[in-house]
């Protein structure tokens, strides 16, 4: 189980890093659903990994990170610009 949690944590880190790289390189917009989903899924992986390791500040930060992404995705789905 520990190995699976570590794999999830590393995959989450790579996903969030890739999303940031793609936005910084101009390949994705910060308002794109792909960027938001990459961050939501990455944050979910970090929540799992951080919680497993008892790193509560990181887990709470990633709960907020994931919530921001989900709110943005809902706004985009409703055709409204995110706040």
N, C-alpha and C. Protein backbone atom coordinates (compact mmCIF):
# COMPACT_ATOMS: atom_id res chain seq x y z
N UNK A 1 0.83 -1.20 0.00
CA UNK A 1 0.00 0.00 0.00
C UNK A 1 0.87 1.26 0.00
N UNK A 2 1.95 1.23 0.77
CA UNK A 2 2.83 2.40 0.83
C UNK A 2 3.40 2.74 -0.54
N UNK A 3 3.79 1.72 -1.31
CA UNK A 3 4.33 1.96 -2.64
C UNK A 3 3.28 2.63 -3.53
N UNK A 4 2.03 2.17 -3.46
CA UNK A 4 0.96 2.77 -4.25
C UNK A 4 0.76 4.24 -3.89
N UNK A 5 0.79 4.56 -2.61
CA UNK A 5 0.63 5.95 -2.15
C UNK A 5 1.79 6.81 -2.69
N UNK A 6 2.98 6.26 -2.68
CA UNK A 6 4.14 7.00 -3.21
C UNK A 6 4.01 7.23 -4.71
N UNK A 7 3.56 6.22 -5.43
CA UNK A 7 3.37 6.37 -6.88
C UNK A 7 2.32 7.44 -7.17
N UNK A 8 1.24 7.42 -6.41
CA UNK A 8 0.19 8.44 -6.57
C UNK A 8 0.75 9.83 -6.28
N UNK A 9 1.54 9.97 -5.24
CA UNK A 9 2.14 11.26 -4.91
C UNK A 9 3.05 11.78 -6.00
N UNK A 10 3.91 10.90 -6.54
CA UNK A 10 4.81 11.33 -7.61
C UNK A 10 4.05 11.65 -8.89
N UNK A 11 3.03 10.86 -9.21
CA UNK A 11 2.21 11.14 -10.39
C UNK A 11 1.50 12.48 -10.24
N UNK A 12 1.01 12.77 -9.04
CA UNK A 12 0.35 14.05 -8.77
C UNK A 12 1.33 15.21 -8.97
N UNK A 13 2.53 15.04 -8.46
CA UNK A 13 3.55 16.09 -8.60
C UNK A 13 3.86 16.33 -10.08
N UNK A 14 4.02 15.27 -10.84
CA UNK A 14 4.32 15.42 -12.27
C UNK A 14 3.16 16.05 -13.02
N UNK A 15 1.94 15.71 -12.66
CA UNK A 15 0.77 16.27 -13.32
C UNK A 15 0.66 17.77 -13.07
N UNK A 16 0.84 18.19 -11.84
CA UNK A 16 0.75 19.63 -11.53
C UNK A 16 1.92 20.38 -12.16
N UNK A 17 3.10 19.79 -12.12
CA UNK A 17 4.26 20.42 -12.76
C UNK A 17 4.04 20.56 -14.27
N UNK A 18 3.51 19.52 -14.89
CA UNK A 18 3.23 19.57 -16.33
C UNK A 18 2.19 20.64 -16.66
N UNK A 19 1.16 20.77 -15.82
CA UNK A 19 0.13 21.79 -16.08
C UNK A 19 0.74 23.19 -16.01
N UNK A 20 1.60 23.41 -15.03
CA UNK A 20 2.26 24.71 -14.89
C UNK A 20 3.18 24.98 -16.08
N UNK A 21 3.93 23.98 -16.48
CA UNK A 21 4.83 24.11 -17.63
C UNK A 21 4.04 24.45 -18.90
N UNK A 22 2.92 23.76 -19.12
CA UNK A 22 2.11 24.00 -20.32
C UNK A 22 1.51 25.40 -20.34
N UNK A 23 1.07 25.90 -19.19
CA UNK A 23 0.55 27.26 -19.12
C UNK A 23 1.68 28.26 -19.33
N UNK A 24 2.80 28.04 -18.70
CA UNK A 24 3.94 28.96 -18.82
C UNK A 24 4.48 29.00 -20.25
N UNK A 25 4.38 27.88 -20.94
CA UNK A 25 4.86 27.81 -22.33
C UNK A 25 3.81 28.31 -23.32
N UNK A 26 2.63 28.67 -22.83
CA UNK A 26 1.57 29.16 -23.70
C UNK A 26 0.82 28.06 -24.44
N UNK A 27 1.01 26.81 -24.05
CA UNK A 27 0.33 25.69 -24.72
C UNK A 27 -1.08 25.47 -24.19
N UNK A 28 -1.32 25.92 -22.95
CA UNK A 28 -2.65 25.85 -22.34
C UNK A 28 -2.96 27.21 -21.73
N UNK A 29 -4.25 27.49 -21.62
CA UNK A 29 -4.69 28.68 -20.91
C UNK A 29 -5.01 28.28 -19.47
N UNK A 30 -4.83 29.21 -18.56
CA UNK A 30 -5.20 28.98 -17.18
C UNK A 30 -6.70 28.77 -17.01
N UNK A 31 -7.46 29.16 -18.00
CA UNK A 31 -8.91 29.00 -17.96
C UNK A 31 -9.37 27.75 -18.71
N UNK A 32 -8.44 26.96 -19.22
CA UNK A 32 -8.84 25.77 -19.98
C UNK A 32 -9.24 24.64 -19.04
N UNK A 33 -10.26 23.88 -19.44
CA UNK A 33 -10.66 22.73 -18.63
C UNK A 33 -9.52 21.72 -18.45
N UNK A 34 -8.69 21.54 -19.45
CA UNK A 34 -7.57 20.59 -19.34
C UNK A 34 -6.64 21.02 -18.20
N UNK A 35 -6.29 22.29 -18.16
CA UNK A 35 -5.42 22.79 -17.09
C UNK A 35 -6.08 22.59 -15.73
N UNK A 36 -7.36 22.92 -15.63
CA UNK A 36 -8.07 22.80 -14.36
C UNK A 36 -8.16 21.33 -13.92
N UNK A 37 -8.47 20.43 -14.85
CA UNK A 37 -8.55 19.01 -14.49
C UNK A 37 -7.19 18.46 -14.08
N UNK A 38 -6.13 18.89 -14.75
CA UNK A 38 -4.80 18.44 -14.36
C UNK A 38 -4.51 18.84 -12.91
N UNK A 39 -4.91 20.04 -12.54
CA UNK A 39 -4.69 20.51 -11.17
C UNK A 39 -5.61 19.84 -10.16
N UNK A 40 -6.86 19.61 -10.53
CA UNK A 40 -7.79 18.94 -9.62
C UNK A 40 -7.32 17.50 -9.34
N UNK A 41 -6.97 16.78 -10.39
CA UNK A 41 -6.51 15.40 -10.21
C UNK A 41 -5.18 15.36 -9.46
N UNK A 42 -4.27 16.28 -9.81
CA UNK A 42 -3.00 16.35 -9.11
C UNK A 42 -3.19 16.66 -7.63
N UNK A 43 -4.07 17.60 -7.33
CA UNK A 43 -4.33 17.95 -5.93
C UNK A 43 -4.94 16.77 -5.18
N UNK A 44 -5.83 16.03 -5.83
CA UNK A 44 -6.42 14.85 -5.19
C UNK A 44 -5.33 13.83 -4.83
N UNK A 45 -4.38 13.65 -5.74
CA UNK A 45 -3.27 12.74 -5.45
C UNK A 45 -2.42 13.23 -4.29
N UNK A 46 -2.17 14.54 -4.24
CA UNK A 46 -1.41 15.11 -3.13
C UNK A 46 -2.17 15.00 -1.80
N UNK A 47 -3.48 15.15 -1.85
CA UNK A 47 -4.29 15.01 -0.63
C UNK A 47 -4.11 13.60 -0.07
N UNK A 48 -4.22 12.62 -0.95
CA UNK A 48 -4.06 11.24 -0.52
C UNK A 48 -2.66 10.99 0.05
N UNK A 49 -1.64 11.43 -0.68
CA UNK A 49 -0.26 11.22 -0.25
C UNK A 49 0.05 11.98 1.03
N UNK A 50 -0.34 13.23 1.11
CA UNK A 50 -0.08 14.05 2.29
C UNK A 50 -0.81 13.51 3.51
N UNK A 51 -2.07 13.13 3.32
CA UNK A 51 -2.84 12.58 4.42
C UNK A 51 -2.23 11.29 4.94
N UNK A 52 -1.79 10.45 4.04
CA UNK A 52 -1.16 9.18 4.42
C UNK A 52 0.07 9.42 5.29
N UNK A 53 0.83 10.45 4.93
CA UNK A 53 2.07 10.75 5.65
C UNK A 53 1.86 11.69 6.84
N UNK A 54 0.62 12.11 7.07
CA UNK A 54 0.33 12.98 8.20
C UNK A 54 0.77 14.42 8.00
N UNK A 55 0.97 14.82 6.75
CA UNK A 55 1.38 16.19 6.45
C UNK A 55 0.12 17.03 6.26
N UNK A 56 -0.49 17.40 7.36
CA UNK A 56 -1.78 18.08 7.31
C UNK A 56 -1.74 19.44 6.62
N UNK A 57 -0.72 20.28 6.82
CA UNK A 57 -0.71 21.56 6.09
C UNK A 57 -0.74 21.36 4.57
N UNK A 58 0.00 20.39 4.08
CA UNK A 58 -0.01 20.10 2.65
C UNK A 58 -1.36 19.56 2.20
N UNK A 59 -1.96 18.69 3.00
CA UNK A 59 -3.27 18.15 2.65
C UNK A 59 -4.32 19.27 2.58
N UNK A 60 -4.31 20.17 3.57
CA UNK A 60 -5.29 21.27 3.59
C UNK A 60 -5.06 22.21 2.40
N UNK A 61 -3.80 22.52 2.11
CA UNK A 61 -3.49 23.36 0.96
C UNK A 61 -4.04 22.75 -0.32
N UNK A 62 -3.87 21.45 -0.47
CA UNK A 62 -4.34 20.79 -1.68
C UNK A 62 -5.85 20.63 -1.74
N UNK A 63 -6.50 20.58 -0.59
CA UNK A 63 -7.97 20.61 -0.58
C UNK A 63 -8.43 21.96 -1.16
N UNK A 64 -7.80 23.04 -0.72
CA UNK A 64 -8.13 24.37 -1.26
C UNK A 64 -7.82 24.44 -2.75
N UNK A 65 -6.66 23.91 -3.16
CA UNK A 65 -6.24 23.91 -4.57
C UNK A 65 -7.27 23.17 -5.42
N UNK A 66 -7.71 22.03 -4.93
CA UNK A 66 -8.69 21.23 -5.65
C UNK A 66 -10.04 21.95 -5.71
N UNK A 67 -10.45 22.59 -4.62
CA UNK A 67 -11.71 23.33 -4.59
C UNK A 67 -11.70 24.48 -5.60
N UNK A 68 -10.59 25.19 -5.68
CA UNK A 68 -10.47 26.28 -6.65
C UNK A 68 -10.65 25.75 -8.06
N UNK A 69 -9.99 24.64 -8.36
CA UNK A 69 -10.13 24.04 -9.69
C UNK A 69 -11.54 23.59 -9.99
N UNK A 70 -12.19 22.98 -9.01
CA UNK A 70 -13.57 22.52 -9.21
C UNK A 70 -14.54 23.67 -9.41
N UNK A 71 -14.38 24.74 -8.64
CA UNK A 71 -15.23 25.92 -8.80
C UNK A 71 -15.02 26.52 -10.19
N UNK A 72 -13.78 26.58 -10.63
CA UNK A 72 -13.49 27.10 -11.97
C UNK A 72 -14.12 26.22 -13.04
N UNK A 73 -14.02 24.90 -12.89
CA UNK A 73 -14.63 23.99 -13.86
C UNK A 73 -16.14 24.15 -13.91
N UNK A 74 -16.78 24.33 -12.77
CA UNK A 74 -18.22 24.55 -12.73
C UNK A 74 -18.58 25.85 -13.44
N UNK A 75 -17.81 26.89 -13.19
CA UNK A 75 -18.05 28.18 -13.86
C UNK A 75 -17.90 28.06 -15.36
N UNK A 76 -16.87 27.35 -15.79
CA UNK A 76 -16.64 27.15 -17.23
C UNK A 76 -17.78 26.34 -17.84
N UNK A 77 -18.27 25.33 -17.14
CA UNK A 77 -19.34 24.49 -17.66
C UNK A 77 -20.64 25.28 -17.79
N UNK A 78 -20.83 26.25 -16.91
CA UNK A 78 -22.04 27.07 -16.97
C UNK A 78 -21.91 28.23 -17.94
N UNK A 79 -20.75 28.34 -18.59
CA UNK A 79 -20.54 29.39 -19.57
C UNK A 79 -20.24 30.74 -18.98
N UNK A 80 -19.89 30.76 -17.69
CA UNK A 80 -19.54 32.02 -17.02
C UNK A 80 -18.05 32.07 -16.81
N UNK A 81 -17.48 33.25 -16.93
CA UNK A 81 -16.05 33.36 -16.62
C UNK A 81 -15.83 33.15 -15.12
N UNK A 82 -14.77 32.44 -14.76
CA UNK A 82 -14.48 32.25 -13.33
C UNK A 82 -14.27 33.57 -12.63
N UNK A 83 -14.65 33.63 -11.38
CA UNK A 83 -14.51 34.87 -10.59
C UNK A 83 -13.07 35.15 -10.29
